[in-house]
Amino acid sequence: MNEATPDLIEKAALGDRDAFSRLVEHEYDFVFKVAWKWTRNRTDAEDIAQEVCLRLAQSISRFKGSGRFRTWLYSLVLNVVRDAARKASREKRRVEEWSRDMAPESDDEDGTGELWQAVQTLPNKQKDAVLLVYGEGMSHSQASEVLGVAEATISWHLHEARKRLKQIMTSEVAYG
């Protein structure tokens, strides 16, 4: 598919919603394909494409037309890909650190089997917060939306869950 016309891009940049909608429709496949090439994961590529559309809405007015639109759009996609990779890396490290901090020395591969069994014994709100943030890799903000509570509430539930899990895991090691 060819690049969007300069007229369509200009109208979208000036705030024409219909033009912006047509622009997104025209460029979505390009955005998705670039995201897929970098992630090799359909779900991640779809998430990235959606984020690119949001960022495009916020930044299209800054496109000056001095270069090719696709080049500018490509750099926008790569920025979102890099942001997603950094976020995934942070989330993975956080989950690994959390699992390491919470898991006792054990005979299972890395101690996380017992940890996740212990998570099942938590009060429902704490268990939900742990499973969404550490099990599903959601941010505190995303988990707060899913559970319909404030982000600070998620943080508090996680804090309380950590304390309770340390007690559970310590008593299992002591009495196991």
N, C-alpha and C. Protein backbone atom coordinates (compact mmCIF):
# COMPACT_ATOMS: atom_id res chain seq x y z
N MET A 1 0.85 -1.18 0.00
CA MET A 1 0.00 0.00 0.00
C MET A 1 0.89 1.24 0.00
N ASN A 2 0.54 2.20 -0.77
CA ASN A 2 1.33 3.43 -0.87
C ASN A 2 1.17 4.29 0.37
N GLU A 3 2.10 5.19 0.53
CA GLU A 3 2.06 6.14 1.63
C GLU A 3 0.85 7.06 1.50
N ALA A 4 0.33 7.51 2.61
CA ALA A 4 -0.80 8.44 2.61
C ALA A 4 -0.42 9.72 1.87
N THR A 5 -1.40 10.37 1.31
CA THR A 5 -1.14 11.59 0.56
C THR A 5 -0.78 12.74 1.49
N PRO A 6 0.04 13.66 1.02
CA PRO A 6 0.41 14.82 1.83
C PRO A 6 -0.83 15.61 2.27
N ASP A 7 -1.85 15.66 1.41
CA ASP A 7 -3.07 16.39 1.75
C ASP A 7 -3.77 15.75 2.95
N LEU A 8 -3.86 14.43 2.94
CA LEU A 8 -4.50 13.71 4.04
C LEU A 8 -3.71 13.91 5.33
N ILE A 9 -2.40 13.83 5.25
CA ILE A 9 -1.53 14.02 6.41
C ILE A 9 -1.68 15.43 6.96
N GLU A 10 -1.70 16.41 6.08
CA GLU A 10 -1.83 17.80 6.52
C GLU A 10 -3.17 18.04 7.22
N LYS A 11 -4.25 17.52 6.63
CA LYS A 11 -5.57 17.68 7.25
C LYS A 11 -5.61 17.03 8.63
N ALA A 12 -5.04 15.83 8.72
CA ALA A 12 -5.01 15.14 10.02
C ALA A 12 -4.20 15.94 11.03
N ALA A 13 -3.08 16.51 10.59
CA ALA A 13 -2.22 17.30 11.47
C ALA A 13 -2.92 18.57 11.95
N LEU A 14 -3.84 19.06 11.15
CA LEU A 14 -4.58 20.27 11.52
C LEU A 14 -5.81 19.97 12.38
N GLY A 15 -6.01 18.69 12.70
CA GLY A 15 -7.09 18.34 13.62
C GLY A 15 -8.35 17.79 12.97
N ASP A 16 -8.34 17.53 11.69
CA ASP A 16 -9.50 16.95 11.01
C ASP A 16 -9.61 15.48 11.45
N ARG A 17 -10.63 15.17 12.25
CA ARG A 17 -10.79 13.82 12.79
C ARG A 17 -11.04 12.78 11.72
N ASP A 18 -11.84 13.14 10.74
CA ASP A 18 -12.12 12.21 9.65
C ASP A 18 -10.83 11.89 8.89
N ALA A 19 -10.04 12.92 8.64
CA ALA A 19 -8.78 12.71 7.94
C ALA A 19 -7.84 11.85 8.79
N PHE A 20 -7.82 12.10 10.11
CA PHE A 20 -6.97 11.30 10.98
C PHE A 20 -7.42 9.84 10.97
N SER A 21 -8.71 9.61 11.01
CA SER A 21 -9.25 8.26 10.96
C SER A 21 -8.84 7.55 9.67
N ARG A 22 -8.96 8.24 8.56
CA ARG A 22 -8.55 7.66 7.27
C ARG A 22 -7.05 7.41 7.24
N LEU A 23 -6.28 8.32 7.81
CA LEU A 23 -4.83 8.16 7.87
C LEU A 23 -4.45 6.90 8.66
N VAL A 24 -5.07 6.73 9.82
CA VAL A 24 -4.79 5.55 10.64
C VAL A 24 -5.18 4.29 9.88
N GLU A 25 -6.34 4.32 9.26
CA GLU A 25 -6.79 3.16 8.48
C GLU A 25 -5.79 2.84 7.36
N HIS A 26 -5.30 3.87 6.73
CA HIS A 26 -4.37 3.72 5.61
C HIS A 26 -3.02 3.18 6.07
N GLU A 27 -2.54 3.61 7.24
CA GLU A 27 -1.19 3.29 7.70
C GLU A 27 -1.13 2.15 8.71
N TYR A 28 -2.28 1.65 9.17
CA TYR A 28 -2.28 0.64 10.25
C TYR A 28 -1.50 -0.61 9.86
N ASP A 29 -1.70 -1.12 8.67
CA ASP A 29 -0.99 -2.33 8.25
C ASP A 29 0.52 -2.13 8.27
N PHE A 30 0.96 -0.96 7.82
CA PHE A 30 2.39 -0.64 7.85
C PHE A 30 2.90 -0.66 9.29
N VAL A 31 2.17 0.00 10.18
CA VAL A 31 2.57 0.08 11.58
C VAL A 31 2.62 -1.33 12.18
N PHE A 32 1.59 -2.13 11.95
CA PHE A 32 1.55 -3.48 12.49
C PHE A 32 2.71 -4.32 11.96
N LYS A 33 2.97 -4.24 10.67
CA LYS A 33 4.05 -5.04 10.07
C LYS A 33 5.41 -4.67 10.66
N VAL A 34 5.65 -3.40 10.86
CA VAL A 34 6.92 -2.98 11.46
C VAL A 34 7.01 -3.51 12.89
N ALA A 35 5.93 -3.34 13.65
CA ALA A 35 5.92 -3.82 15.04
C ALA A 35 6.13 -5.34 15.07
N TRP A 36 5.50 -6.07 14.17
CA TRP A 36 5.64 -7.52 14.15
C TRP A 36 7.08 -7.91 13.80
N LYS A 37 7.69 -7.20 12.89
CA LYS A 37 9.08 -7.53 12.53
C LYS A 37 10.00 -7.41 13.73
N TRP A 38 9.72 -6.46 14.60
CA TRP A 38 10.59 -6.24 15.75
C TRP A 38 10.26 -7.17 16.91
N THR A 39 8.97 -7.54 17.06
CA THR A 39 8.58 -8.34 18.22
C THR A 39 8.41 -9.82 17.92
N ARG A 40 8.04 -10.13 16.67
CA ARG A 40 7.73 -11.51 16.26
C ARG A 40 6.65 -12.14 17.14
N ASN A 41 5.76 -11.28 17.63
CA ASN A 41 4.67 -11.74 18.49
C ASN A 41 3.42 -10.95 18.12
N ARG A 42 2.38 -11.64 17.70
CA ARG A 42 1.18 -10.98 17.22
C ARG A 42 0.53 -10.08 18.28
N THR A 43 0.39 -10.59 19.48
CA THR A 43 -0.24 -9.80 20.54
C THR A 43 0.56 -8.55 20.86
N ASP A 44 1.88 -8.70 20.97
CA ASP A 44 2.73 -7.54 21.24
C ASP A 44 2.65 -6.53 20.09
N ALA A 45 2.66 -7.05 18.85
CA ALA A 45 2.58 -6.16 17.68
C ALA A 45 1.25 -5.41 17.67
N GLU A 46 0.17 -6.08 18.02
CA GLU A 46 -1.13 -5.40 18.08
C GLU A 46 -1.14 -4.33 19.16
N ASP A 47 -0.60 -4.66 20.33
CA ASP A 47 -0.53 -3.67 21.42
C ASP A 47 0.31 -2.47 21.00
N ILE A 48 1.43 -2.74 20.37
CA ILE A 48 2.30 -1.65 19.92
C ILE A 48 1.61 -0.81 18.86
N ALA A 49 0.93 -1.44 17.92
CA ALA A 49 0.21 -0.70 16.88
C ALA A 49 -0.85 0.22 17.50
N GLN A 50 -1.55 -0.27 18.51
CA GLN A 50 -2.55 0.57 19.19
C GLN A 50 -1.88 1.76 19.88
N GLU A 51 -0.77 1.50 20.54
CA GLU A 51 -0.05 2.58 21.22
C GLU A 51 0.46 3.59 20.21
N VAL A 52 0.94 3.12 19.07
CA VAL A 52 1.41 4.03 18.02
C VAL A 52 0.26 4.92 17.56
N CYS A 53 -0.91 4.35 17.39
CA CYS A 53 -2.07 5.16 16.98
C CYS A 53 -2.37 6.26 18.00
N LEU A 54 -2.28 5.92 19.28
CA LEU A 54 -2.50 6.92 20.33
C LEU A 54 -1.43 8.01 20.28
N ARG A 55 -0.18 7.59 20.15
CA ARG A 55 0.91 8.58 20.10
C ARG A 55 0.85 9.41 18.82
N LEU A 56 0.41 8.78 17.75
CA LEU A 56 0.25 9.52 16.50
C LEU A 56 -0.77 10.64 16.68
N ALA A 57 -1.86 10.34 17.36
CA ALA A 57 -2.88 11.37 17.62
C ALA A 57 -2.30 12.53 18.41
N GLN A 58 -1.41 12.21 19.34
CA GLN A 58 -0.82 13.24 20.19
C GLN A 58 0.28 14.04 19.49
N SER A 59 0.91 13.44 18.47
CA SER A 59 2.09 14.08 17.92
C SER A 59 2.01 14.46 16.45
N ILE A 60 0.92 14.13 15.77
CA ILE A 60 0.88 14.39 14.34
C ILE A 60 1.00 15.88 14.02
N SER A 61 0.54 16.70 14.91
CA SER A 61 0.64 18.15 14.66
C SER A 61 2.10 18.61 14.59
N ARG A 62 3.02 17.79 15.12
CA ARG A 62 4.44 18.15 15.08
C ARG A 62 5.14 17.66 13.81
N PHE A 63 4.44 16.89 12.98
CA PHE A 63 5.04 16.46 11.72
C PHE A 63 5.07 17.66 10.79
N LYS A 64 6.27 18.03 10.37
CA LYS A 64 6.45 19.26 9.59
C LYS A 64 6.44 19.03 8.09
N GLY A 65 6.45 17.78 7.66
CA GLY A 65 6.41 17.51 6.23
C GLY A 65 7.74 17.71 5.53
N SER A 66 8.81 17.88 6.30
CA SER A 66 10.11 18.10 5.67
C SER A 66 10.72 16.79 5.16
N GLY A 67 10.25 15.66 5.67
CA GLY A 67 10.72 14.35 5.21
C GLY A 67 9.52 13.50 4.85
N ARG A 68 9.79 12.25 4.53
CA ARG A 68 8.69 11.34 4.22
C ARG A 68 7.92 11.02 5.49
N PHE A 69 6.62 10.96 5.38
CA PHE A 69 5.77 10.64 6.53
C PHE A 69 6.08 9.24 7.06
N ARG A 70 6.27 8.29 6.16
CA ARG A 70 6.53 6.91 6.60
C ARG A 70 7.83 6.82 7.39
N THR A 71 8.80 7.61 7.04
CA THR A 71 10.06 7.61 7.79
C THR A 71 9.80 8.10 9.21
N TRP A 72 9.05 9.16 9.31
CA TRP A 72 8.69 9.73 10.61
C TRP A 72 7.85 8.72 11.40
N LEU A 73 6.88 8.09 10.74
CA LEU A 73 6.02 7.11 11.38
C LEU A 73 6.84 5.89 11.81
N TYR A 74 7.78 5.47 10.99
CA TYR A 74 8.64 4.34 11.33
C TYR A 74 9.39 4.62 12.62
N SER A 75 9.92 5.82 12.75
CA SER A 75 10.65 6.15 13.98
C SER A 75 9.71 6.17 15.18
N LEU A 76 8.47 6.58 14.98
CA LEU A 76 7.48 6.55 16.06
C LEU A 76 7.22 5.11 16.48
N VAL A 77 7.07 4.21 15.52
CA VAL A 77 6.86 2.79 15.83
C VAL A 77 8.05 2.24 16.60
N LEU A 78 9.25 2.53 16.15
CA LEU A 78 10.44 2.02 16.83
C LEU A 78 10.55 2.55 18.26
N ASN A 79 10.18 3.80 18.47
CA ASN A 79 10.18 4.34 19.83
C ASN A 79 9.23 3.55 20.73
N VAL A 80 8.04 3.24 20.20
CA VAL A 80 7.07 2.47 20.99
C VAL A 80 7.59 1.05 21.22
N VAL A 81 8.20 0.44 20.22
CA VAL A 81 8.78 -0.90 20.36
C VAL A 81 9.84 -0.88 21.46
N ARG A 82 10.70 0.10 21.43
CA ARG A 82 11.77 0.20 22.44
C ARG A 82 11.19 0.42 23.84
N ASP A 83 10.18 1.29 23.92
CA ASP A 83 9.52 1.53 25.21
C ASP A 83 8.90 0.24 25.74
N ALA A 84 8.23 -0.50 24.87
CA ALA A 84 7.61 -1.77 25.27
C ALA A 84 8.66 -2.77 25.72
N ALA A 85 9.78 -2.83 25.03
CA ALA A 85 10.85 -3.76 25.40
C ALA A 85 11.44 -3.38 26.76
N ARG A 86 11.66 -2.09 26.98
CA ARG A 86 12.18 -1.64 28.28
C ARG A 86 11.19 -1.99 29.40
N LYS A 87 9.91 -1.74 29.14
CA LYS A 87 8.88 -2.03 30.14
C LYS A 87 8.84 -3.53 30.43
N ALA A 88 8.87 -4.35 29.40
CA ALA A 88 8.84 -5.80 29.58
C ALA A 88 10.06 -6.27 30.37
N SER A 89 11.20 -5.69 30.08
CA SER A 89 12.43 -6.05 30.79
C SER A 89 12.32 -5.67 32.27
N ARG A 90 11.82 -4.47 32.54
CA ARG A 90 11.63 -4.05 33.94
C ARG A 90 10.65 -4.97 34.65
N GLU A 91 9.54 -5.29 34.00
CA GLU A 91 8.53 -6.16 34.59
C GLU A 91 9.12 -7.53 34.89
N LYS A 92 9.88 -8.08 33.94
CA LYS A 92 10.47 -9.40 34.12
C LYS A 92 11.44 -9.39 35.30
N ARG A 93 12.28 -8.36 35.36
CA ARG A 93 13.23 -8.25 36.48
C ARG A 93 12.49 -8.14 37.80
N ARG A 94 11.42 -7.34 37.81
CA ARG A 94 10.66 -7.15 39.04
C ARG A 94 10.03 -8.47 39.50
N VAL A 95 9.45 -9.22 38.57
CA VAL A 95 8.85 -10.50 38.92
C VAL A 95 9.92 -11.47 39.42
N GLU A 96 11.07 -11.51 38.72
CA GLU A 96 12.15 -12.41 39.14
C GLU A 96 12.67 -12.04 40.52
N GLU A 97 12.85 -10.74 40.76
CA GLU A 97 13.34 -10.30 42.06
C GLU A 97 12.32 -10.61 43.14
N TRP A 98 11.06 -10.37 42.83
CA TRP A 98 9.99 -10.62 43.79
C TRP A 98 9.94 -12.11 44.11
N SER A 99 9.98 -12.93 43.09
CA SER A 99 9.95 -14.38 43.31
C SER A 99 11.15 -14.83 44.12
N ARG A 100 12.32 -14.29 43.81
CA ARG A 100 13.54 -14.64 44.53
C ARG A 100 13.44 -14.22 45.99
N ASP A 101 12.93 -13.02 46.23
CA ASP A 101 12.81 -12.51 47.59
C ASP A 101 11.82 -13.33 48.42
N MET A 102 10.79 -13.81 47.75
CA MET A 102 9.71 -14.49 48.45
C MET A 102 9.94 -15.99 48.59
N ALA A 103 10.66 -16.58 47.68
CA ALA A 103 10.78 -18.04 47.65
C ALA A 103 11.89 -18.52 48.57
N PRO A 104 11.61 -19.56 49.35
CA PRO A 104 12.65 -20.13 50.21
C PRO A 104 13.53 -21.07 49.39
N GLU A 105 14.61 -21.53 50.01
CA GLU A 105 15.40 -22.58 49.39
C GLU A 105 14.47 -23.78 49.29
N SER A 106 14.42 -24.43 48.13
CA SER A 106 13.52 -25.57 48.01
C SER A 106 14.04 -26.53 46.96
N ASP A 107 13.38 -27.67 46.91
CA ASP A 107 13.77 -28.70 45.96
C ASP A 107 13.19 -28.48 44.58
N ASP A 108 12.12 -27.66 44.44
CA ASP A 108 11.60 -27.44 43.09
C ASP A 108 12.54 -26.52 42.35
N GLU A 109 12.40 -26.45 41.05
CA GLU A 109 13.36 -25.78 40.17
C GLU A 109 13.88 -24.46 40.73
N ASP A 110 12.97 -23.57 41.05
CA ASP A 110 13.43 -22.25 41.51
C ASP A 110 12.64 -21.75 42.72
N GLY A 111 11.86 -22.62 43.33
CA GLY A 111 11.13 -22.22 44.53
C GLY A 111 9.84 -21.52 44.25
N THR A 112 9.52 -21.24 43.01
CA THR A 112 8.32 -20.47 42.73
C THR A 112 7.05 -21.30 42.81
N GLY A 113 7.15 -22.63 42.69
CA GLY A 113 5.95 -23.46 42.79
C GLY A 113 5.29 -23.31 44.13
N GLU A 114 6.09 -23.40 45.19
CA GLU A 114 5.57 -23.23 46.54
C GLU A 114 5.06 -21.81 46.76
N LEU A 115 5.75 -20.86 46.18
CA LEU A 115 5.34 -19.47 46.31
C LEU A 115 3.94 -19.28 45.72
N TRP A 116 3.73 -19.78 44.50
CA TRP A 116 2.42 -19.58 43.87
C TRP A 116 1.33 -20.36 44.60
N GLN A 117 1.68 -21.47 45.24
CA GLN A 117 0.70 -22.17 46.07
C GLN A 117 0.34 -21.29 47.27
N ALA A 118 1.34 -20.66 47.85
CA ALA A 118 1.09 -19.77 48.99
C ALA A 118 0.24 -18.57 48.58
N VAL A 119 0.44 -18.07 47.37
CA VAL A 119 -0.36 -16.95 46.87
C VAL A 119 -1.85 -17.32 46.90
N GLN A 120 -2.15 -18.56 46.61
CA GLN A 120 -3.55 -19.01 46.59
C GLN A 120 -4.22 -18.91 47.96
N THR A 121 -3.43 -18.85 49.03
CA THR A 121 -3.99 -18.78 50.38
C THR A 121 -4.25 -17.34 50.83
N LEU A 122 -3.82 -16.38 50.05
CA LEU A 122 -3.99 -14.97 50.43
C LEU A 122 -5.46 -14.56 50.36
N PRO A 123 -5.83 -13.49 51.09
CA PRO A 123 -7.16 -12.94 50.92
C PRO A 123 -7.38 -12.55 49.44
N ASN A 124 -8.60 -12.62 48.99
CA ASN A 124 -8.90 -12.43 47.57
C ASN A 124 -8.31 -11.17 46.96
N LYS A 125 -8.41 -10.05 47.63
CA LYS A 125 -7.93 -8.79 47.04
C LYS A 125 -6.41 -8.81 46.88
N GLN A 126 -5.72 -9.36 47.86
CA GLN A 126 -4.26 -9.47 47.76
C GLN A 126 -3.88 -10.46 46.67
N LYS A 127 -4.57 -11.59 46.64
CA LYS A 127 -4.29 -12.61 45.62
C LYS A 127 -4.52 -12.04 44.22
N ASP A 128 -5.63 -11.33 44.03
CA ASP A 128 -5.92 -10.74 42.72
C ASP A 128 -4.81 -9.78 42.30
N ALA A 129 -4.39 -8.92 43.22
CA ALA A 129 -3.34 -7.95 42.91
C ALA A 129 -2.04 -8.67 42.53
N VAL A 130 -1.65 -9.68 43.28
CA VAL A 130 -0.43 -10.43 43.00
C VAL A 130 -0.52 -11.11 41.64
N LEU A 131 -1.64 -11.77 41.38
CA LEU A 131 -1.77 -12.51 40.13
C LEU A 131 -1.78 -11.58 38.92
N LEU A 132 -2.42 -10.42 39.05
CA LEU A 132 -2.45 -9.50 37.92
C LEU A 132 -1.08 -8.86 37.67
N VAL A 133 -0.43 -8.41 38.73
CA VAL A 133 0.84 -7.70 38.56
C VAL A 133 1.99 -8.66 38.29
N TYR A 134 2.11 -9.70 39.11
CA TYR A 134 3.26 -10.59 38.96
C TYR A 134 2.97 -11.79 38.06
N GLY A 135 1.75 -12.25 38.06
CA GLY A 135 1.40 -13.39 37.21
C GLY A 135 1.14 -13.00 35.78
N GLU A 136 0.42 -11.90 35.59
CA GLU A 136 0.05 -11.45 34.25
C GLU A 136 0.97 -10.36 33.71
N GLY A 137 1.83 -9.81 34.58
CA GLY A 137 2.77 -8.79 34.13
C GLY A 137 2.15 -7.42 33.93
N MET A 138 0.99 -7.19 34.54
CA MET A 138 0.34 -5.88 34.40
C MET A 138 1.04 -4.85 35.28
N SER A 139 0.91 -3.60 34.88
CA SER A 139 1.40 -2.51 35.73
C SER A 139 0.39 -2.29 36.86
N HIS A 140 0.77 -1.56 37.86
CA HIS A 140 -0.16 -1.24 38.95
C HIS A 140 -1.38 -0.51 38.38
N SER A 141 -1.13 0.36 37.42
CA SER A 141 -2.23 1.12 36.81
C SER A 141 -3.21 0.20 36.09
N GLN A 142 -2.69 -0.73 35.31
CA GLN A 142 -3.56 -1.67 34.58
C GLN A 142 -4.35 -2.53 35.56
N ALA A 143 -3.69 -3.02 36.59
CA ALA A 143 -4.37 -3.85 37.58
C ALA A 143 -5.45 -3.06 38.30
N SER A 144 -5.18 -1.77 38.56
CA SER A 144 -6.19 -0.95 39.23
C SER A 144 -7.43 -0.78 38.36
N GLU A 145 -7.23 -0.69 37.04
CA GLU A 145 -8.37 -0.59 36.13
C GLU A 145 -9.17 -1.89 36.13
N VAL A 146 -8.48 -3.02 36.08
CA VAL A 146 -9.16 -4.31 36.06
C VAL A 146 -9.98 -4.51 37.33
N LEU A 147 -9.39 -4.18 38.47
CA LEU A 147 -10.06 -4.41 39.75
C LEU A 147 -10.95 -3.25 40.18
N GLY A 148 -10.89 -2.14 39.47
CA GLY A 148 -11.76 -1.00 39.79
C GLY A 148 -11.40 -0.33 41.10
N VAL A 149 -10.11 -0.26 41.39
CA VAL A 149 -9.64 0.41 42.61
C VAL A 149 -8.54 1.39 42.24
N ALA A 150 -8.15 2.19 43.21
CA ALA A 150 -7.07 3.16 42.98
C ALA A 150 -5.74 2.43 42.84
N GLU A 151 -4.83 3.03 42.10
CA GLU A 151 -3.49 2.45 41.92
C GLU A 151 -2.79 2.27 43.26
N ALA A 152 -2.98 3.22 44.15
CA ALA A 152 -2.37 3.12 45.48
C ALA A 152 -2.90 1.90 46.24
N THR A 153 -4.14 1.54 46.00
CA THR A 153 -4.73 0.37 46.64
C THR A 153 -4.04 -0.90 46.17
N ILE A 154 -3.72 -0.96 44.88
CA ILE A 154 -2.98 -2.11 44.35
C ILE A 154 -1.63 -2.20 45.05
N SER A 155 -0.94 -1.08 45.15
CA SER A 155 0.37 -1.06 45.81
C SER A 155 0.26 -1.54 47.26
N TRP A 156 -0.79 -1.11 47.95
CA TRP A 156 -0.99 -1.51 49.34
C TRP A 156 -1.26 -3.01 49.43
N HIS A 157 -2.13 -3.54 48.55
CA HIS A 157 -2.42 -4.98 48.56
C HIS A 157 -1.14 -5.78 48.30
N LEU A 158 -0.31 -5.31 47.39
CA LEU A 158 0.95 -6.01 47.10
C LEU A 158 1.89 -5.98 48.30
N HIS A 159 1.94 -4.83 48.96
CA HIS A 159 2.78 -4.69 50.15
C HIS A 159 2.33 -5.67 51.23
N GLU A 160 1.02 -5.70 51.47
CA GLU A 160 0.47 -6.61 52.48
C GLU A 160 0.68 -8.07 52.08
N ALA A 161 0.54 -8.36 50.79
CA ALA A 161 0.74 -9.73 50.29
C ALA A 161 2.18 -10.16 50.53
N ARG A 162 3.14 -9.28 50.26
CA ARG A 162 4.55 -9.62 50.48
C ARG A 162 4.81 -9.98 51.95
N LYS A 163 4.26 -9.15 52.85
CA LYS A 163 4.45 -9.41 54.27
C LYS A 163 3.86 -10.77 54.66
N ARG A 164 2.65 -11.02 54.19
CA ARG A 164 1.96 -12.26 54.53
C ARG A 164 2.68 -13.47 53.92
N LEU A 165 3.13 -13.31 52.67
CA LEU A 165 3.82 -14.42 52.01
C LEU A 165 5.15 -14.73 52.67
N LYS A 166 5.85 -13.71 53.14
CA LYS A 166 7.11 -13.96 53.85
C LYS A 166 6.84 -14.77 55.11
N GLN A 167 5.74 -14.42 55.82
CA GLN A 167 5.38 -15.19 57.01
C GLN A 167 5.06 -16.64 56.65
N ILE A 168 4.24 -16.82 55.61
CA ILE A 168 3.85 -18.17 55.19
C ILE A 168 5.06 -18.98 54.78
N MET A 169 5.91 -18.39 53.95
CA MET A 169 7.06 -19.11 53.41
C MET A 169 8.09 -19.40 54.51
N THR A 170 8.25 -18.48 55.45
CA THR A 170 9.19 -18.67 56.55
C THR A 170 8.69 -19.79 57.46
N SER A 171 7.39 -19.80 57.76
CA SER A 171 6.85 -20.85 58.64
C SER A 171 6.91 -22.21 57.96
N GLU A 172 6.73 -22.27 56.63
CA GLU A 172 6.83 -23.55 55.92
C GLU A 172 8.25 -24.09 55.95
N VAL A 173 9.24 -23.18 55.85
CA VAL A 173 10.63 -23.62 55.91
C VAL A 173 10.96 -24.11 57.31
N ALA A 174 10.47 -23.37 58.33
CA ALA A 174 10.77 -23.71 59.71
C ALA A 174 10.10 -25.03 60.13
N TYR A 175 8.84 -25.24 59.64
CA TYR A 175 8.09 -26.42 60.07
C TYR A 175 8.04 -27.50 59.00
N GLY A 176 8.57 -27.20 57.79
CA GLY A 176 8.47 -28.14 56.67
C GLY A 176 9.34 -29.30 56.87
